[in-house]
Amino acid sequence: PSRWRRYDPSRGLDELRSLVTTVAADEGIEVIGDIGVTSHVGDILRRA
């Protein structure tokens, strides 16, 4: 993507679900912190 939007996992999964519905075609999401890519955060982003 040409632009990155940031997501802090401490804000909860519902916020991430809302975020992925607003991401433009040229945008991506950077997840802040040391989390597992196999976590629910990763599942949501891969599904989207």
All heavy atoms as atom14 arrays in JSON, in Angstrom:
{
  "sequence": "PSRWRRYDPSRGLDELRSLVTTVAADEGIEVIGDIGVTSHVGDILRRA",
  "atom14_mask": [
    [1, 1, 1, 1, 1, 1, 1, 0, 0, 0, 0, 0, 0, 0],
    [1, 1, 1, 1, 1, 1, 0, 0, 0, 0, 0, 0, 0, 0],
    [1, 1, 1, 1, 1, 1, 1, 1, 1, 1, 1, 0, 0, 0],
    [1, 1, 1, 1, 1, 1, 1, 1, 1, 1, 1, 1, 1, 1],
    [1, 1, 1, 1, 1, 1, 1, 1, 1, 1, 1, 0, 0, 0],
    [1, 1, 1, 1, 1, 1, 1, 1, 1, 1, 1, 0, 0, 0],
    [1, 1, 1, 1, 1, 1, 1, 1, 1, 1, 1, 1, 0, 0],
    [1, 1, 1, 1, 1, 1, 1, 1, 0, 0, 0, 0, 0, 0],
    [1, 1, 1, 1, 1, 1, 1, 0, 0, 0, 0, 0, 0, 0],
    [1, 1, 1, 1, 1, 1, 0, 0, 0, 0, 0, 0, 0, 0],
    [1, 1, 1, 1, 1, 1, 1, 1, 1, 1, 1, 0, 0, 0],
    [1, 1, 1, 1, 0, 0, 0, 0, 0, 0, 0, 0, 0, 0],
    [1, 1, 1, 1, 1, 1, 1, 1, 0, 0, 0, 0, 0, 0],
    [1, 1, 1, 1, 1, 1, 1, 1, 0, 0, 0, 0, 0, 0],
    [1, 1, 1, 1, 1, 1, 1, 1, 1, 0, 0, 0, 0, 0],
    [1, 1, 1, 1, 1, 1, 1, 1, 0, 0, 0, 0, 0, 0],
    [1, 1, 1, 1, 1, 1, 1, 1, 1, 1, 1, 0, 0, 0],
    [1, 1, 1, 1, 1, 1, 0, 0, 0, 0, 0, 0, 0, 0],
    [1, 1, 1, 1, 1, 1, 1, 1, 0, 0, 0, 0, 0, 0],
    [1, 1, 1, 1, 1, 1, 1, 0, 0, 0, 0, 0, 0, 0],
    [1, 1, 1, 1, 1, 1, 1, 0, 0, 0, 0, 0, 0, 0],
    [1, 1, 1, 1, 1, 1, 1, 0, 0, 0, 0, 0, 0, 0],
    [1, 1, 1, 1, 1, 1, 1, 0, 0, 0, 0, 0, 0, 0],
    [1, 1, 1, 1, 1, 0, 0, 0, 0, 0, 0, 0, 0, 0],
    [1, 1, 1, 1, 1, 0, 0, 0, 0, 0, 0, 0, 0, 0],
    [1, 1, 1, 1, 1, 1, 1, 1, 0, 0, 0, 0, 0, 0],
    [1, 1, 1, 1, 1, 1, 1, 1, 1, 0, 0, 0, 0, 0],
    [1, 1, 1, 1, 0, 0, 0, 0, 0, 0, 0, 0, 0, 0],
    [1, 1, 1, 1, 1, 1, 1, 1, 0, 0, 0, 0, 0, 0],
    [1, 1, 1, 1, 1, 1, 1, 1, 1, 0, 0, 0, 0, 0],
    [1, 1, 1, 1, 1, 1, 1, 0, 0, 0, 0, 0, 0, 0],
    [1, 1, 1, 1, 1, 1, 1, 1, 0, 0, 0, 0, 0, 0],
    [1, 1, 1, 1, 0, 0, 0, 0, 0, 0, 0, 0, 0, 0],
    [1, 1, 1, 1, 1, 1, 1, 1, 0, 0, 0, 0, 0, 0],
    [1, 1, 1, 1, 1, 1, 1, 1, 0, 0, 0, 0, 0, 0],
    [1, 1, 1, 1, 0, 0, 0, 0, 0, 0, 0, 0, 0, 0],
    [1, 1, 1, 1, 1, 1, 1, 0, 0, 0, 0, 0, 0, 0],
    [1, 1, 1, 1, 1, 1, 1, 0, 0, 0, 0, 0, 0, 0],
    [1, 1, 1, 1, 1, 1, 0, 0, 0, 0, 0, 0, 0, 0],
    [1, 1, 1, 1, 1, 1, 1, 1, 1, 1, 0, 0, 0, 0],
    [1, 1, 1, 1, 1, 1, 1, 0, 0, 0, 0, 0, 0, 0],
    [1, 1, 1, 1, 0, 0, 0, 0, 0, 0, 0, 0, 0, 0],
    [1, 1, 1, 1, 1, 1, 1, 1, 0, 0, 0, 0, 0, 0],
    [1, 1, 1, 1, 1, 1, 1, 1, 0, 0, 0, 0, 0, 0],
    [1, 1, 1, 1, 1, 1, 1, 1, 0, 0, 0, 0, 0, 0],
    [1, 1, 1, 1, 1, 1, 1, 1, 1, 1, 1, 0, 0, 0],
    [1, 1, 1, 1, 1, 1, 1, 1, 1, 1, 1, 0, 0, 0],
    [1, 1, 1, 1, 1, 0, 0, 0, 0, 0, 0, 0, 0, 0]
  ],
  "atom14_positions": [
    [[0.83, -1.21, 0.0], [0.0, 0.0, 0.0], [0.87, 1.26, 0.0], [2.02, 1.25, 0.44], [-0.79, -0.13, 1.31], [0.08, -0.95, 2.19], [0.76, -1.93, 1.29], [0.0, 0.0, 0.0], [0.0, 0.0, 0.0], [0.0, 0.0, 0.0], [0.0, 0.0, 0.0], [0.0, 0.0, 0.0], [0.0, 0.0, 0.0], [0.0, 0.0, 0.0]],
    [[0.29, 2.35, -0.46], [1.02, 3.62, -0.47], [0.91, 4.34, 0.87], [1.72, 5.23, 1.17], [0.5, 4.52, -1.59], [-0.89, 4.74, -1.45], [0.0, 0.0, 0.0], [0.0, 0.0, 0.0], [0.0, 0.0, 0.0], [0.0, 0.0, 0.0], [0.0, 0.0, 0.0], [0.0, 0.0, 0.0], [0.0, 0.0, 0.0], [0.0, 0.0, 0.0]],
    [[-0.08, 3.96, 1.66], [-0.25, 4.58, 2.97], [-0.59, 3.51, 4.0], [-1.23, 2.5, 3.68], [-1.38, 5.63, 2.94], [-1.06, 6.86, 2.08], [-2.27, 7.78, 2.04], [-3.4, 7.14, 1.37], [-4.62, 7.66, 1.3], [-4.88, 8.81, 1.91], [-5.58, 7.03, 0.65], [0.0, 0.0, 0.0], [0.0, 0.0, 0.0], [0.0, 0.0, 0.0]],
    [[-0.16, 3.77, 5.25], [-0.43, 2.83, 6.35], [-1.25, 3.52, 7.43], [-0.99, 4.66, 7.78], [0.88, 2.32, 6.96], [1.68, 1.45, 6.04], [2.67, 1.85, 5.2], [1.54, 0.05, 5.86], [3.17, 0.78, 4.5], [2.49, -0.35, 4.89], [0.72, -0.94, 6.41], [2.65, -1.66, 4.48], [0.87, -2.25, 6.0], [1.82, -2.61, 5.04]],
    [[-2.23, 2.8, 7.93], [-2.98, 3.27, 9.09], [-2.64, 2.37, 10.27], [-2.45, 1.16, 10.1], [-4.49, 3.24, 8.8], [-4.85, 4.19, 7.66], [-6.3, 4.03, 7.22], [-7.24, 4.43, 8.26], [-8.56, 4.48, 8.08], [-9.08, 4.14, 6.9], [-9.37, 4.86, 9.06], [0.0, 0.0, 0.0], [0.0, 0.0, 0.0], [0.0, 0.0, 0.0]],
    [[-2.57, 2.95, 11.45], [-2.09, 2.2, 12.6], [-3.24, 1.74, 13.5], [-4.26, 2.43, 13.64], [-1.1, 3.03, 13.42], [0.22, 3.24, 12.68], [1.37, 3.52, 13.61], [2.65, 3.27, 12.97], [3.81, 3.34, 13.57], [3.87, 3.66, 14.85], [4.94, 3.08, 12.91], [0.0, 0.0, 0.0], [0.0, 0.0, 0.0], [0.0, 0.0, 0.0]],
    [[-3.04, 0.57, 14.07], [-4.03, -0.01, 14.98], [-3.32, -0.49, 16.23], [-2.33, -1.22, 16.17], [-4.76, -1.18, 14.31], [-5.49, -2.07, 15.29], [-6.65, -1.62, 15.93], [-5.02, -3.35, 15.58], [-7.31, -2.43, 16.85], [-5.68, -4.17, 16.48], [-6.82, -3.71, 17.12], [-7.47, -4.51, 18.02], [0.0, 0.0, 0.0], [0.0, 0.0, 0.0]],
    [[-3.83, -0.07, 17.38], [-3.31, -0.46, 18.68], [-4.19, -1.58, 19.24], [-5.38, -1.35, 19.51], [-3.3, 0.73, 19.63], [-2.67, 0.4, 20.99], [-2.5, -0.8, 21.29], [-2.37, 1.34, 21.75], [0.0, 0.0, 0.0], [0.0, 0.0, 0.0], [0.0, 0.0, 0.0], [0.0, 0.0, 0.0], [0.0, 0.0, 0.0], [0.0, 0.0, 0.0]],
    [[-3.68, -2.81, 19.4], [-4.51, -3.93, 19.86], [-5.18, -3.69, 21.21], [-6.2, -4.31, 21.51], [-3.53, -5.1, 19.93], [-2.44, -4.74, 18.97], [-2.31, -3.26, 19.08], [0.0, 0.0, 0.0], [0.0, 0.0, 0.0], [0.0, 0.0, 0.0], [0.0, 0.0, 0.0], [0.0, 0.0, 0.0], [0.0, 0.0, 0.0], [0.0, 0.0, 0.0]],
    [[-4.63, -2.76, 22.0], [-5.24, -2.52, 23.31], [-6.62, -1.89, 23.17], [-7.4, -1.85, 24.13], [-4.34, -1.6, 24.14], [-4.26, -0.3, 23.57], [0.0, 0.0, 0.0], [0.0, 0.0, 0.0], [0.0, 0.0, 0.0], [0.0, 0.0, 0.0], [0.0, 0.0, 0.0], [0.0, 0.0, 0.0], [0.0, 0.0, 0.0], [0.0, 0.0, 0.0]],
    [[-6.96, -1.4, 21.98], [-8.26, -0.77, 21.76], [-9.37, -1.78, 21.45], [-10.54, -1.39, 21.3], [-8.15, 0.27, 20.65], [-7.11, 1.36, 20.94], [-7.05, 2.4, 19.85], [-8.26, 3.21, 19.82], [-8.42, 4.31, 20.54], [-7.47, 4.73, 21.36], [-9.55, 5.0, 20.45], [0.0, 0.0, 0.0], [0.0, 0.0, 0.0], [0.0, 0.0, 0.0]],
    [[-9.01, -3.06, 21.33], [-10.02, -4.1, 21.18], [-10.29, -4.5, 19.74], [-9.99, -3.77, 18.79], [0.0, 0.0, 0.0], [0.0, 0.0, 0.0], [0.0, 0.0, 0.0], [0.0, 0.0, 0.0], [0.0, 0.0, 0.0], [0.0, 0.0, 0.0], [0.0, 0.0, 0.0], [0.0, 0.0, 0.0], [0.0, 0.0, 0.0], [0.0, 0.0, 0.0]],
    [[-10.89, -5.68, 19.6], [-11.12, -6.24, 18.26], [-12.26, -5.55, 17.53], [-12.25, -5.49, 16.29], [-11.41, -7.74, 18.38], [-10.26, -8.61, 18.91], [-10.7, -10.07, 18.98], [-9.02, -8.48, 18.04], [0.0, 0.0, 0.0], [0.0, 0.0, 0.0], [0.0, 0.0, 0.0], [0.0, 0.0, 0.0], [0.0, 0.0, 0.0], [0.0, 0.0, 0.0]],
    [[-13.25, -5.04, 18.26], [-14.35, -4.36, 17.57], [-13.85, -3.14, 16.8], [-14.34, -2.83, 15.7], [-15.43, -3.94, 18.57], [-16.29, -5.12, 19.01], [-16.3, -6.15, 18.3], [-16.95, -5.03, 20.07], [0.0, 0.0, 0.0], [0.0, 0.0, 0.0], [0.0, 0.0, 0.0], [0.0, 0.0, 0.0], [0.0, 0.0, 0.0], [0.0, 0.0, 0.0]],
    [[-12.86, -2.44, 17.37], [-12.32, -1.28, 16.66], [-11.6, -1.72, 15.39], [-11.67, -1.05, 14.36], [-11.37, -0.49, 17.55], [-10.78, 0.72, 16.83], [-10.23, 1.77, 17.77], [-10.89, 2.06, 18.78], [-9.15, 2.29, 17.48], [0.0, 0.0, 0.0], [0.0, 0.0, 0.0], [0.0, 0.0, 0.0], [0.0, 0.0, 0.0], [0.0, 0.0, 0.0]],
    [[-10.9, -2.86, 15.46], [-10.23, -3.36, 14.27], [-11.25, -3.75, 13.2], [-11.06, -3.47, 12.01], [-9.35, -4.57, 14.62], [-8.62, -5.23, 13.45], [-7.7, -4.24, 12.74], [-7.83, -6.45, 13.92], [0.0, 0.0, 0.0], [0.0, 0.0, 0.0], [0.0, 0.0, 0.0], [0.0, 0.0, 0.0], [0.0, 0.0, 0.0], [0.0, 0.0, 0.0]],
    [[-12.35, -4.36, 13.6], [-13.38, -4.73, 12.63], [-13.94, -3.48, 11.93], [-14.21, -3.5, 10.73], [-14.51, -5.5, 13.32], [-14.1, -6.88, 13.8], [-15.3, -7.69, 14.27], [-14.86, -8.94, 14.87], [-14.67, -9.13, 16.17], [-14.92, -8.15, 17.02], [-14.23, -10.28, 16.62], [0.0, 0.0, 0.0], [0.0, 0.0, 0.0], [0.0, 0.0, 0.0]],
    [[-14.12, -2.43, 12.7], [-14.59, -1.18, 12.1], [-13.54, -0.58, 11.17], [-13.86, -0.08, 10.09], [-14.95, -0.17, 13.2], [-16.01, -0.63, 13.99], [0.0, 0.0, 0.0], [0.0, 0.0, 0.0], [0.0, 0.0, 0.0], [0.0, 0.0, 0.0], [0.0, 0.0, 0.0], [0.0, 0.0, 0.0], [0.0, 0.0, 0.0], [0.0, 0.0, 0.0]],
    [[-12.28, -0.66, 11.59], [-11.2, -0.09, 10.81], [-11.09, -0.74, 9.44], [-10.92, -0.05, 8.42], [-9.88, -0.2, 11.57], [-8.62, 0.33, 10.87], [-8.77, 1.81, 10.56], [-7.39, 0.07, 11.74], [0.0, 0.0, 0.0], [0.0, 0.0, 0.0], [0.0, 0.0, 0.0], [0.0, 0.0, 0.0], [0.0, 0.0, 0.0], [0.0, 0.0, 0.0]],
    [[-11.19, -2.07, 9.37], [-10.99, -2.75, 8.09], [-12.1, -2.4, 7.09], [-11.9, -2.5, 5.87], [-10.89, -4.29, 8.25], [-9.71, -4.67, 9.11], [-12.18, -4.87, 8.8], [0.0, 0.0, 0.0], [0.0, 0.0, 0.0], [0.0, 0.0, 0.0], [0.0, 0.0, 0.0], [0.0, 0.0, 0.0], [0.0, 0.0, 0.0], [0.0, 0.0, 0.0]],
    [[-13.25, -1.95, 7.59], [-14.33, -1.57, 6.67], [-14.1, -0.19, 6.07], [-14.77, 0.18, 5.1], [-15.69, -1.57, 7.39], [-15.69, -0.57, 8.41], [-15.98, -2.93, 8.0], [0.0, 0.0, 0.0], [0.0, 0.0, 0.0], [0.0, 0.0, 0.0], [0.0, 0.0, 0.0], [0.0, 0.0, 0.0], [0.0, 0.0, 0.0], [0.0, 0.0, 0.0]],
    [[-13.16, 0.58, 6.61], [-12.91, 1.95, 6.12], [-11.59, 2.08, 5.37], [-11.29, 3.16, 4.87], [-12.92, 2.94, 7.3], [-11.83, 2.66, 8.18], [-14.23, 2.85, 8.07], [0.0, 0.0, 0.0], [0.0, 0.0, 0.0], [0.0, 0.0, 0.0], [0.0, 0.0, 0.0], [0.0, 0.0, 0.0], [0.0, 0.0, 0.0], [0.0, 0.0, 0.0]],
    [[-10.81, 1.01, 5.3], [-9.5, 1.08, 4.65], [-9.68, 1.2, 3.13], [-10.42, 0.43, 2.51], [-8.66, -0.17, 4.99], [-7.39, -0.21, 4.14], [-8.3, -0.17, 6.46], [0.0, 0.0, 0.0], [0.0, 0.0, 0.0], [0.0, 0.0, 0.0], [0.0, 0.0, 0.0], [0.0, 0.0, 0.0], [0.0, 0.0, 0.0], [0.0, 0.0, 0.0]],
    [[-9.02, 2.18, 2.54], [-9.09, 2.38, 1.09], [-8.23, 1.35, 0.36], [-7.41, 0.65, 0.97], [-8.62, 3.79, 0.74], [0.0, 0.0, 0.0], [0.0, 0.0, 0.0], [0.0, 0.0, 0.0], [0.0, 0.0, 0.0], [0.0, 0.0, 0.0], [0.0, 0.0, 0.0], [0.0, 0.0, 0.0], [0.0, 0.0, 0.0], [0.0, 0.0, 0.0]],
    [[-8.42, 1.28, -0.96], [-7.72, 0.26, -1.76], [-6.21, 0.42, -1.71], [-5.47, -0.56, -1.87], [-8.21, 0.32, -3.2], [0.0, 0.0, 0.0], [0.0, 0.0, 0.0], [0.0, 0.0, 0.0], [0.0, 0.0, 0.0], [0.0, 0.0, 0.0], [0.0, 0.0, 0.0], [0.0, 0.0, 0.0], [0.0, 0.0, 0.0], [0.0, 0.0, 0.0]],
    [[-5.7, 1.64, -1.48], [-4.26, 1.86, -1.47], [-3.72, 1.95, -0.04], [-2.6, 2.4, 0.16], [-3.9, 3.13, -2.23], [-4.52, 4.39, -1.6], [-5.47, 4.23, -0.8], [-4.05, 5.5, -1.92], [0.0, 0.0, 0.0], [0.0, 0.0, 0.0], [0.0, 0.0, 0.0], [0.0, 0.0, 0.0], [0.0, 0.0, 0.0], [0.0, 0.0, 0.0]],
    [[-4.49, 1.52, 0.94], [-4.05, 1.61, 2.33], [-3.84, 0.23, 2.94], [-4.42, -0.76, 2.51], [-5.11, 2.35, 3.17], [-5.23, 3.83, 2.84], [-6.25, 4.52, 3.72], [-7.26, 3.88, 4.09], [-6.03, 5.7, 4.07], [0.0, 0.0, 0.0], [0.0, 0.0, 0.0], [0.0, 0.0, 0.0], [0.0, 0.0, 0.0], [0.0, 0.0, 0.0]],
    [[-2.98, 0.2, 3.95], [-2.76, -1.0, 4.74], [-2.84, -0.67, 6.22], [-3.02, 0.49, 6.6], [0.0, 0.0, 0.0], [0.0, 0.0, 0.0], [0.0, 0.0, 0.0], [0.0, 0.0, 0.0], [0.0, 0.0, 0.0], [0.0, 0.0, 0.0], [0.0, 0.0, 0.0], [0.0, 0.0, 0.0], [0.0, 0.0, 0.0], [0.0, 0.0, 0.0]],
    [[-2.71, -1.68, 7.05], [-2.8, -1.5, 8.5], [-1.53, -2.0, 9.15], [-1.08, -3.13, 8.9], [-4.02, -2.23, 9.08], [-5.31, -1.6, 8.57], [-3.99, -2.22, 10.61], [-6.57, -2.3, 9.03], [0.0, 0.0, 0.0], [0.0, 0.0, 0.0], [0.0, 0.0, 0.0], [0.0, 0.0, 0.0], [0.0, 0.0, 0.0], [0.0, 0.0, 0.0]],
    [[-0.93, -1.13, 9.98], [0.2, -1.51, 10.83], [-0.33, -1.79, 12.23], [-1.03, -0.96, 12.82], [1.24, -0.4, 10.87], [1.96, -0.2, 9.54], [3.02, 0.88, 9.62], [2.86, 1.84, 10.42], [4.03, 0.78, 8.87], [0.0, 0.0, 0.0], [0.0, 0.0, 0.0], [0.0, 0.0, 0.0], [0.0, 0.0, 0.0], [0.0, 0.0, 0.0]],
    [[-0.01, -2.98, 12.74], [-0.43, -3.38, 14.08], [0.73, -3.12, 15.04], [1.83, -3.64, 14.85], [-0.84, -4.86, 14.12], [-1.28, -5.25, 15.52], [-1.94, -5.13, 13.11], [0.0, 0.0, 0.0], [0.0, 0.0, 0.0], [0.0, 0.0, 0.0], [0.0, 0.0, 0.0], [0.0, 0.0, 0.0], [0.0, 0.0, 0.0], [0.0, 0.0, 0.0]],
    [[0.46, -2.31, 16.03], [1.52, -1.87, 16.94], [1.73, -2.91, 18.04], [0.78, -3.34, 18.7], [1.15, -0.51, 17.58], [0.96, 0.55, 16.5], [2.22, -0.07, 18.57], [0.35, 1.84, 17.04], [0.0, 0.0, 0.0], [0.0, 0.0, 0.0], [0.0, 0.0, 0.0], [0.0, 0.0, 0.0], [0.0, 0.0, 0.0], [0.0, 0.0, 0.0]],
    [[2.98, -3.29, 18.24], [3.33, -4.13, 19.39], [3.71, -5.54, 19.01], [3.63, -5.96, 17.86], [0.0, 0.0, 0.0], [0.0, 0.0, 0.0], [0.0, 0.0, 0.0], [0.0, 0.0, 0.0], [0.0, 0.0, 0.0], [0.0, 0.0, 0.0], [0.0, 0.0, 0.0], [0.0, 0.0, 0.0], [0.0, 0.0, 0.0], [0.0, 0.0, 0.0]],
    [[4.08, -6.29, 20.01], [4.55, -7.66, 19.86], [3.37, -8.6, 20.11], [3.1, -9.01, 21.23], [5.68, -7.94, 20.83], [6.31, -9.31, 20.61], [6.01, -9.94, 19.58], [7.09, -9.74, 21.49], [0.0, 0.0, 0.0], [0.0, 0.0, 0.0], [0.0, 0.0, 0.0], [0.0, 0.0, 0.0], [0.0, 0.0, 0.0], [0.0, 0.0, 0.0]],
    [[2.65, -8.92, 19.06], [1.51, -9.84, 19.18], [1.72, -11.0, 18.21], [2.59, -10.96, 17.33], [0.17, -9.13, 18.86], [0.09, -8.8, 17.37], [-0.01, -7.87, 19.7], [-1.31, -8.52, 16.88], [0.0, 0.0, 0.0], [0.0, 0.0, 0.0], [0.0, 0.0, 0.0], [0.0, 0.0, 0.0], [0.0, 0.0, 0.0], [0.0, 0.0, 0.0]],
    [[0.9, -12.03, 18.36], [1.01, -13.17, 17.47], [0.27, -12.95, 16.16], [-0.85, -12.44, 16.15], [0.0, 0.0, 0.0], [0.0, 0.0, 0.0], [0.0, 0.0, 0.0], [0.0, 0.0, 0.0], [0.0, 0.0, 0.0], [0.0, 0.0, 0.0], [0.0, 0.0, 0.0], [0.0, 0.0, 0.0], [0.0, 0.0, 0.0], [0.0, 0.0, 0.0]],
    [[0.9, -13.3, 15.05], [0.2, -13.2, 13.78], [-0.88, -14.28, 13.66], [-1.74, -14.2, 12.78], [1.17, -13.28, 12.57], [2.15, -12.14, 12.6], [1.87, -14.62, 12.51], [0.0, 0.0, 0.0], [0.0, 0.0, 0.0], [0.0, 0.0, 0.0], [0.0, 0.0, 0.0], [0.0, 0.0, 0.0], [0.0, 0.0, 0.0], [0.0, 0.0, 0.0]],
    [[-0.85, -15.28, 14.54], [-1.9, -16.3, 14.56], [-3.05, -15.93, 15.49], [-3.99, -16.7, 15.64], [-1.33, -17.66, 15.02], [-0.86, -17.54, 16.37], [-0.19, -18.1, 14.12], [0.0, 0.0, 0.0], [0.0, 0.0, 0.0], [0.0, 0.0, 0.0], [0.0, 0.0, 0.0], [0.0, 0.0, 0.0], [0.0, 0.0, 0.0], [0.0, 0.0, 0.0]],
    [[-2.98, -14.76, 16.12], [-4.05, -14.31, 17.03], [-5.29, -13.92, 16.24], [-5.3, -13.91, 15.0], [-3.57, -13.12, 17.85], [-3.4, -11.99, 17.01], [0.0, 0.0, 0.0], [0.0, 0.0, 0.0], [0.0, 0.0, 0.0], [0.0, 0.0, 0.0], [0.0, 0.0, 0.0], [0.0, 0.0, 0.0], [0.0, 0.0, 0.0], [0.0, 0.0, 0.0]],
    [[-6.36, -13.54, 16.96], [-7.59, -13.11, 16.3], [-7.36, -11.85, 15.47], [-8.05, -11.63, 14.46], [-8.69, -12.85, 17.32], [-9.22, -14.1, 17.97], [-9.42, -15.26, 17.27], [-9.6, -14.35, 19.26], [-9.89, -16.18, 18.09], [-10.01, -15.66, 19.29], [0.0, 0.0, 0.0], [0.0, 0.0, 0.0], [0.0, 0.0, 0.0], [0.0, 0.0, 0.0]],
    [[-6.41, -11.01, 15.88], [-6.08, -9.83, 15.07], [-5.64, -10.26, 13.68], [-6.09, -9.73, 12.65], [-4.99, -8.99, 15.75], [-4.42, -7.94, 14.78], [-5.54, -8.29, 16.99], [0.0, 0.0, 0.0], [0.0, 0.0, 0.0], [0.0, 0.0, 0.0], [0.0, 0.0, 0.0], [0.0, 0.0, 0.0], [0.0, 0.0, 0.0], [0.0, 0.0, 0.0]],
    [[-4.75, -11.25, 13.63], [-4.3, -11.76, 12.34], [-5.42, -12.39, 11.54], [-5.52, -12.2, 10.33], [0.0, 0.0, 0.0], [0.0, 0.0, 0.0], [0.0, 0.0, 0.0], [0.0, 0.0, 0.0], [0.0, 0.0, 0.0], [0.0, 0.0, 0.0], [0.0, 0.0, 0.0], [0.0, 0.0, 0.0], [0.0, 0.0, 0.0], [0.0, 0.0, 0.0]],
    [[-6.3, -13.14, 12.23], [-7.42, -13.77, 11.53], [-8.31, -12.72, 10.86], [-8.73, -12.88, 9.71], [-8.26, -14.58, 12.52], [-7.58, -15.88, 12.93], [-6.62, -16.28, 12.25], [-8.02, -16.48, 13.92], [0.0, 0.0, 0.0], [0.0, 0.0, 0.0], [0.0, 0.0, 0.0], [0.0, 0.0, 0.0], [0.0, 0.0, 0.0], [0.0, 0.0, 0.0]],
    [[-8.61, -11.65, 11.59], [-9.49, -10.61, 11.05], [-8.87, -9.97, 9.81], [-9.53, -9.77, 8.79], [-9.79, -9.56, 12.13], [-10.67, -10.16, 13.23], [-10.46, -8.32, 11.53], [-10.82, -9.29, 14.45], [0.0, 0.0, 0.0], [0.0, 0.0, 0.0], [0.0, 0.0, 0.0], [0.0, 0.0, 0.0], [0.0, 0.0, 0.0], [0.0, 0.0, 0.0]],
    [[-7.58, -9.65, 9.89], [-6.91, -8.98, 8.77], [-6.77, -9.89, 7.56], [-6.93, -9.46, 6.42], [-5.55, -8.46, 9.23], [-5.63, -7.3, 10.24], [-4.27, -7.05, 10.88], [-6.15, -6.04, 9.56], [0.0, 0.0, 0.0], [0.0, 0.0, 0.0], [0.0, 0.0, 0.0], [0.0, 0.0, 0.0], [0.0, 0.0, 0.0], [0.0, 0.0, 0.0]],
    [[-6.49, -11.16, 7.79], [-6.39, -12.1, 6.66], [-7.75, -12.31, 6.0], [-7.85, -12.38, 4.77], [-5.79, -13.43, 7.13], [-4.27, -13.39, 7.3], [-3.7, -14.77, 7.62], [-4.13, -15.22, 8.94], [-3.48, -14.96, 10.07], [-2.37, -14.24, 10.05], [-3.92, -15.42, 11.22], [0.0, 0.0, 0.0], [0.0, 0.0, 0.0], [0.0, 0.0, 0.0]],
    [[-8.79, -12.42, 6.8], [-10.12, -12.61, 6.23], [-10.55, -11.4, 5.4], [-11.23, -11.54, 4.39], [-11.15, -12.86, 7.35], [-11.07, -14.24, 7.94], [-12.11, -14.45, 9.02], [-12.08, -15.82, 9.47], [-12.69, -16.84, 8.88], [-13.39, -16.61, 7.78], [-12.59, -18.06, 9.34], [0.0, 0.0, 0.0], [0.0, 0.0, 0.0], [0.0, 0.0, 0.0]],
    [[-10.16, -10.23, 5.86], [-10.5, -9.01, 5.14], [-9.55, -8.75, 3.97], [-9.8, -7.84, 3.17], [-10.48, -7.82, 6.09], [0.0, 0.0, 0.0], [0.0, 0.0, 0.0], [0.0, 0.0, 0.0], [0.0, 0.0, 0.0], [0.0, 0.0, 0.0], [0.0, 0.0, 0.0], [0.0, 0.0, 0.0], [0.0, 0.0, 0.0], [0.0, 0.0, 0.0]]
  ]
}
